[in-house]
């Protein structure tokens, strides 16, 4: 932190500019970044968990529509319910998933 303050003083910026810089730095440092991994799922529409046209899976570096659902087969990674999608867990999947993320919504 001391080297950061020395750098700020070196450029002789105003107190207001320093406050804005530090605020932006703190906000940036607290943002969670999620990277997709092979086998991750995300929702693409509303409906039941086991619907055959509900999901996309991250395969070969891109999102692909799939006809299976997370937990139907072994190896499901992180499952993300996209903001605005309403997915009902109407079954108990036979296999576990890596994690569940619900974007911008409530449980």
N, C-alpha and C. Protein backbone atom coordinates (compact mmCIF):
# COMPACT_ATOMS: atom_id res chain seq x y z
N UNK A 1 0.82 -1.18 0.00
CA UNK A 1 0.00 0.00 0.00
C UNK A 1 0.87 1.25 0.00
N UNK A 2 2.03 1.18 0.66
CA UNK A 2 2.90 2.34 0.72
C UNK A 2 3.41 2.70 -0.67
N UNK A 3 3.77 1.74 -1.50
CA UNK A 3 4.26 2.04 -2.84
C UNK A 3 3.15 2.65 -3.69
N UNK A 4 1.88 2.25 -3.46
CA UNK A 4 0.75 2.83 -4.18
C UNK A 4 0.61 4.30 -3.81
N UNK A 5 0.73 4.63 -2.53
CA UNK A 5 0.62 6.02 -2.11
C UNK A 5 1.78 6.86 -2.64
N UNK A 6 2.95 6.28 -2.68
CA UNK A 6 4.11 6.99 -3.24
C UNK A 6 3.87 7.28 -4.71
N UNK A 7 3.34 6.33 -5.44
CA UNK A 7 3.06 6.54 -6.86
C UNK A 7 2.01 7.62 -7.06
N UNK A 8 1.00 7.63 -6.22
CA UNK A 8 -0.04 8.65 -6.34
C UNK A 8 0.54 10.02 -6.06
N UNK A 9 1.37 10.13 -5.05
CA UNK A 9 1.98 11.42 -4.74
C UNK A 9 2.95 11.85 -5.84
N UNK A 10 3.60 10.93 -6.46
CA UNK A 10 4.55 11.25 -7.51
C UNK A 10 3.88 11.99 -8.67
N UNK A 11 2.66 11.59 -9.02
CA UNK A 11 1.95 12.22 -10.12
C UNK A 11 1.24 13.50 -9.71
N UNK A 12 1.25 13.83 -8.43
CA UNK A 12 0.66 15.05 -7.89
C UNK A 12 -0.77 15.25 -8.36
N UNK A 13 -1.57 14.24 -8.12
CA UNK A 13 -2.98 14.33 -8.46
C UNK A 13 -3.72 14.97 -7.29
N UNK A 14 -4.90 15.49 -7.56
CA UNK A 14 -5.67 16.14 -6.51
C UNK A 14 -6.22 15.10 -5.53
N UNK A 15 -6.64 15.58 -4.38
CA UNK A 15 -7.22 14.68 -3.37
C UNK A 15 -8.48 14.00 -3.91
N UNK A 16 -9.27 14.72 -4.66
CA UNK A 16 -10.49 14.17 -5.25
C UNK A 16 -10.15 13.06 -6.26
N UNK A 17 -9.16 13.28 -7.08
CA UNK A 17 -8.74 12.26 -8.06
C UNK A 17 -8.20 11.02 -7.36
N UNK A 18 -7.47 11.24 -6.27
CA UNK A 18 -6.94 10.11 -5.51
C UNK A 18 -8.09 9.30 -4.91
N UNK A 19 -9.09 9.98 -4.36
CA UNK A 19 -10.24 9.27 -3.79
C UNK A 19 -10.98 8.46 -4.85
N UNK A 20 -11.18 9.04 -6.02
CA UNK A 20 -11.85 8.32 -7.11
C UNK A 20 -11.04 7.11 -7.55
N UNK A 21 -9.73 7.29 -7.64
CA UNK A 21 -8.86 6.18 -8.04
C UNK A 21 -8.95 5.04 -7.02
N UNK A 22 -8.86 5.36 -5.74
CA UNK A 22 -8.90 4.33 -4.71
C UNK A 22 -10.27 3.66 -4.66
N UNK A 23 -11.34 4.43 -4.86
CA UNK A 23 -12.68 3.85 -4.90
C UNK A 23 -12.80 2.86 -6.05
N UNK A 24 -12.35 3.27 -7.22
CA UNK A 24 -12.40 2.37 -8.38
C UNK A 24 -11.54 1.13 -8.16
N UNK A 25 -10.40 1.30 -7.55
CA UNK A 25 -9.52 0.17 -7.27
C UNK A 25 -10.20 -0.82 -6.32
N UNK A 26 -10.87 -0.30 -5.29
CA UNK A 26 -11.56 -1.18 -4.35
C UNK A 26 -12.73 -1.89 -5.02
N UNK A 27 -13.48 -1.18 -5.84
CA UNK A 27 -14.60 -1.81 -6.55
C UNK A 27 -14.12 -2.88 -7.50
N UNK A 28 -13.06 -2.61 -8.23
CA UNK A 28 -12.52 -3.59 -9.17
C UNK A 28 -12.02 -4.82 -8.45
N UNK A 29 -11.41 -4.62 -7.30
CA UNK A 29 -10.84 -5.74 -6.55
C UNK A 29 -11.91 -6.65 -5.97
N UNK A 30 -13.14 -6.15 -5.81
CA UNK A 30 -14.19 -6.96 -5.21
C UNK A 30 -15.09 -7.63 -6.23
N UNK A 31 -14.90 -7.39 -7.51
CA UNK A 31 -15.72 -8.01 -8.53
C UNK A 31 -15.31 -9.47 -8.69
N UNK A 32 -16.29 -10.37 -8.65
CA UNK A 32 -16.01 -11.79 -8.86
C UNK A 32 -15.99 -12.07 -10.35
N UNK A 33 -14.96 -12.74 -10.77
CA UNK A 33 -14.84 -13.10 -12.18
C UNK A 33 -14.99 -14.60 -12.29
N UNK A 34 -15.94 -15.00 -13.12
CA UNK A 34 -16.18 -16.43 -13.31
C UNK A 34 -15.80 -16.80 -14.73
N UNK A 35 -14.96 -17.80 -14.84
CA UNK A 35 -14.59 -18.29 -16.16
C UNK A 35 -15.31 -19.61 -16.40
N UNK A 36 -15.68 -19.82 -17.63
CA UNK A 36 -16.35 -21.07 -17.96
C UNK A 36 -15.33 -22.20 -18.06
N UNK A 37 -15.79 -23.37 -17.68
CA UNK A 37 -14.97 -24.57 -17.79
C UNK A 37 -15.74 -25.60 -18.60
N UNK A 38 -15.00 -26.46 -19.24
CA UNK A 38 -15.61 -27.55 -20.00
C UNK A 38 -16.59 -28.31 -19.12
N UNK A 39 -17.82 -28.48 -19.59
CA UNK A 39 -18.83 -29.21 -18.83
C UNK A 39 -19.76 -28.34 -18.01
N UNK A 40 -19.52 -27.02 -17.95
CA UNK A 40 -20.44 -26.12 -17.25
C UNK A 40 -21.74 -26.01 -18.03
N UNK A 41 -22.82 -25.75 -17.30
CA UNK A 41 -24.14 -25.55 -17.90
C UNK A 41 -24.64 -24.14 -17.59
N UNK A 42 -25.51 -23.63 -18.46
CA UNK A 42 -26.25 -22.41 -18.15
C UNK A 42 -27.65 -22.55 -18.75
N UNK A 43 -28.60 -21.89 -18.09
CA UNK A 43 -29.98 -21.93 -18.57
C UNK A 43 -30.11 -21.05 -19.81
N UNK A 44 -31.11 -21.37 -20.64
CA UNK A 44 -31.36 -20.52 -21.80
C UNK A 44 -32.82 -20.13 -21.93
N UNK A 45 -33.65 -20.57 -20.96
CA UNK A 45 -35.07 -20.20 -20.97
C UNK A 45 -35.72 -20.63 -19.66
N UNK A 46 -36.97 -20.23 -19.46
CA UNK A 46 -37.74 -20.63 -18.29
C UNK A 46 -38.22 -22.07 -18.44
N UNK A 47 -38.51 -22.72 -17.31
CA UNK A 47 -39.12 -24.05 -17.35
C UNK A 47 -38.57 -24.98 -16.30
N UNK A 48 -38.88 -26.26 -16.46
CA UNK A 48 -38.44 -27.29 -15.53
C UNK A 48 -36.97 -27.66 -15.75
N UNK A 49 -36.33 -28.06 -14.66
CA UNK A 49 -34.92 -28.44 -14.69
C UNK A 49 -34.65 -29.53 -15.73
N UNK A 50 -35.54 -30.51 -15.82
CA UNK A 50 -35.29 -31.66 -16.70
C UNK A 50 -35.84 -31.48 -18.12
N UNK A 51 -36.21 -30.28 -18.50
CA UNK A 51 -36.67 -30.03 -19.86
C UNK A 51 -35.51 -30.22 -20.84
N UNK A 52 -35.79 -30.84 -21.98
CA UNK A 52 -34.71 -31.16 -22.92
C UNK A 52 -34.23 -29.98 -23.75
N UNK A 53 -34.91 -28.84 -23.67
CA UNK A 53 -34.43 -27.68 -24.45
C UNK A 53 -34.14 -26.48 -23.55
N UNK A 54 -33.77 -26.73 -22.33
CA UNK A 54 -33.55 -25.69 -21.34
C UNK A 54 -32.11 -25.23 -21.21
N UNK A 55 -31.16 -26.04 -21.61
CA UNK A 55 -29.77 -25.84 -21.19
C UNK A 55 -28.80 -25.68 -22.35
N UNK A 56 -27.69 -24.99 -22.04
CA UNK A 56 -26.51 -24.94 -22.89
C UNK A 56 -25.34 -25.46 -22.06
N UNK A 57 -24.39 -26.09 -22.74
CA UNK A 57 -23.20 -26.59 -22.06
C UNK A 57 -21.97 -26.00 -22.74
N UNK A 58 -20.95 -25.72 -21.93
CA UNK A 58 -19.70 -25.18 -22.46
C UNK A 58 -18.86 -26.33 -22.98
N UNK A 59 -18.75 -26.41 -24.32
CA UNK A 59 -18.04 -27.51 -24.98
C UNK A 59 -17.09 -26.92 -26.01
N UNK A 60 -15.84 -27.27 -25.93
CA UNK A 60 -14.87 -26.83 -26.94
C UNK A 60 -14.73 -25.33 -27.07
N UNK A 61 -14.91 -24.60 -25.97
CA UNK A 61 -14.69 -23.16 -25.98
C UNK A 61 -15.90 -22.32 -26.35
N UNK A 62 -17.08 -22.94 -26.47
CA UNK A 62 -18.29 -22.17 -26.77
C UNK A 62 -19.52 -22.81 -26.14
N UNK A 63 -20.57 -22.02 -25.99
CA UNK A 63 -21.83 -22.52 -25.44
C UNK A 63 -22.62 -23.21 -26.54
N UNK A 64 -23.07 -24.43 -26.26
CA UNK A 64 -23.78 -25.25 -27.23
C UNK A 64 -25.10 -25.72 -26.63
N UNK A 65 -26.19 -25.63 -27.41
CA UNK A 65 -27.47 -26.17 -26.95
C UNK A 65 -27.35 -27.68 -26.80
N UNK A 66 -27.89 -28.19 -25.69
CA UNK A 66 -27.83 -29.63 -25.42
C UNK A 66 -29.22 -30.15 -25.04
N UNK A 67 -29.39 -31.46 -25.15
CA UNK A 67 -30.68 -32.06 -24.83
C UNK A 67 -30.67 -32.80 -23.50
N UNK A 68 -29.56 -32.75 -22.78
CA UNK A 68 -29.54 -33.31 -21.43
C UNK A 68 -29.63 -32.17 -20.43
N UNK A 69 -29.72 -32.49 -19.16
CA UNK A 69 -29.80 -31.47 -18.12
C UNK A 69 -28.71 -31.71 -17.08
N UNK A 70 -28.35 -30.68 -16.32
CA UNK A 70 -27.30 -30.84 -15.31
C UNK A 70 -27.69 -31.90 -14.28
N UNK A 71 -26.80 -32.85 -14.07
CA UNK A 71 -27.03 -33.93 -13.13
C UNK A 71 -27.61 -35.18 -13.76
N UNK A 72 -28.01 -35.09 -15.01
CA UNK A 72 -28.52 -36.29 -15.68
C UNK A 72 -27.38 -37.27 -15.89
N UNK A 73 -26.22 -36.74 -16.25
CA UNK A 73 -25.02 -37.55 -16.45
C UNK A 73 -23.93 -37.05 -15.51
N UNK A 74 -22.97 -37.89 -15.21
CA UNK A 74 -21.85 -37.49 -14.36
C UNK A 74 -21.00 -36.45 -15.06
N UNK A 75 -20.33 -35.61 -14.29
CA UNK A 75 -19.38 -34.67 -14.85
C UNK A 75 -19.88 -33.26 -15.06
N UNK A 76 -21.07 -32.94 -14.56
CA UNK A 76 -21.57 -31.57 -14.69
C UNK A 76 -20.73 -30.65 -13.81
N UNK A 77 -20.32 -29.54 -14.38
CA UNK A 77 -19.55 -28.56 -13.62
C UNK A 77 -20.47 -27.57 -12.93
N UNK A 78 -20.14 -26.30 -13.05
CA UNK A 78 -20.95 -25.24 -12.47
C UNK A 78 -22.21 -25.04 -13.31
N UNK A 79 -23.34 -24.89 -12.64
CA UNK A 79 -24.61 -24.63 -13.32
C UNK A 79 -25.02 -23.21 -12.99
N UNK A 80 -25.28 -22.42 -14.03
CA UNK A 80 -25.67 -21.02 -13.85
C UNK A 80 -27.09 -20.82 -14.35
N UNK A 81 -27.96 -20.32 -13.47
CA UNK A 81 -29.29 -19.89 -13.87
C UNK A 81 -29.14 -18.44 -14.29
N UNK A 82 -29.33 -18.17 -15.57
CA UNK A 82 -29.10 -16.83 -16.11
C UNK A 82 -30.15 -15.84 -15.58
N UNK A 83 -29.75 -14.58 -15.45
CA UNK A 83 -30.64 -13.53 -14.99
C UNK A 83 -31.88 -13.49 -15.88
N UNK A 84 -33.06 -13.51 -15.27
CA UNK A 84 -34.30 -13.47 -16.02
C UNK A 84 -34.91 -14.83 -16.30
N UNK A 85 -34.14 -15.90 -16.11
CA UNK A 85 -34.67 -17.25 -16.33
C UNK A 85 -35.26 -17.79 -15.03
N UNK A 86 -36.39 -18.44 -15.12
CA UNK A 86 -37.07 -19.04 -13.98
C UNK A 86 -37.06 -20.56 -14.19
N UNK A 87 -36.16 -21.24 -13.49
CA UNK A 87 -36.01 -22.69 -13.64
C UNK A 87 -36.49 -23.38 -12.38
N UNK A 88 -37.40 -24.32 -12.54
CA UNK A 88 -37.98 -25.06 -11.42
C UNK A 88 -37.27 -26.41 -11.29
N UNK A 89 -36.75 -26.68 -10.10
CA UNK A 89 -36.12 -27.97 -9.83
C UNK A 89 -37.22 -28.97 -9.53
N UNK A 90 -37.70 -29.62 -10.56
CA UNK A 90 -38.85 -30.53 -10.47
C UNK A 90 -38.46 -31.99 -10.29
N UNK A 91 -37.17 -32.28 -10.24
CA UNK A 91 -36.68 -33.65 -10.07
C UNK A 91 -35.47 -33.62 -9.13
N UNK A 92 -35.02 -34.78 -8.74
CA UNK A 92 -33.78 -34.90 -7.99
C UNK A 92 -32.76 -35.55 -8.93
N UNK A 93 -31.83 -34.75 -9.49
CA UNK A 93 -30.88 -35.32 -10.46
C UNK A 93 -30.09 -36.49 -9.85
N UNK A 94 -29.81 -37.49 -10.66
CA UNK A 94 -29.13 -38.68 -10.17
C UNK A 94 -27.64 -38.47 -9.93
N UNK A 95 -27.06 -37.41 -10.51
CA UNK A 95 -25.64 -37.10 -10.32
C UNK A 95 -25.50 -35.69 -9.77
N UNK A 96 -24.43 -35.46 -9.03
CA UNK A 96 -24.21 -34.14 -8.44
C UNK A 96 -23.70 -33.15 -9.49
N UNK A 97 -23.81 -31.86 -9.15
CA UNK A 97 -23.24 -30.80 -9.99
C UNK A 97 -22.12 -30.15 -9.19
N UNK A 98 -21.25 -29.42 -9.89
CA UNK A 98 -20.12 -28.80 -9.23
C UNK A 98 -20.53 -27.65 -8.30
N UNK A 99 -21.38 -26.76 -8.80
CA UNK A 99 -21.84 -25.59 -8.03
C UNK A 99 -23.06 -25.03 -8.72
N UNK A 100 -23.81 -24.20 -8.00
CA UNK A 100 -24.99 -23.56 -8.57
C UNK A 100 -24.87 -22.06 -8.38
N UNK A 101 -25.00 -21.32 -9.48
CA UNK A 101 -24.97 -19.85 -9.44
C UNK A 101 -26.30 -19.35 -9.97
N UNK A 102 -26.94 -18.45 -9.22
CA UNK A 102 -28.17 -17.82 -9.66
C UNK A 102 -27.85 -16.35 -9.88
N UNK A 103 -27.84 -15.93 -11.14
CA UNK A 103 -27.46 -14.57 -11.49
C UNK A 103 -28.60 -13.59 -11.27
N UNK A 104 -28.34 -12.54 -10.53
CA UNK A 104 -29.23 -11.40 -10.42
C UNK A 104 -30.62 -11.67 -9.92
N UNK A 105 -30.88 -12.81 -9.37
CA UNK A 105 -32.22 -13.13 -8.94
C UNK A 105 -32.27 -13.48 -7.47
N UNK A 106 -33.39 -14.01 -7.07
CA UNK A 106 -33.57 -14.45 -5.70
C UNK A 106 -33.90 -15.93 -5.69
N UNK A 107 -33.70 -16.54 -4.55
CA UNK A 107 -33.99 -17.97 -4.41
C UNK A 107 -35.37 -18.12 -3.82
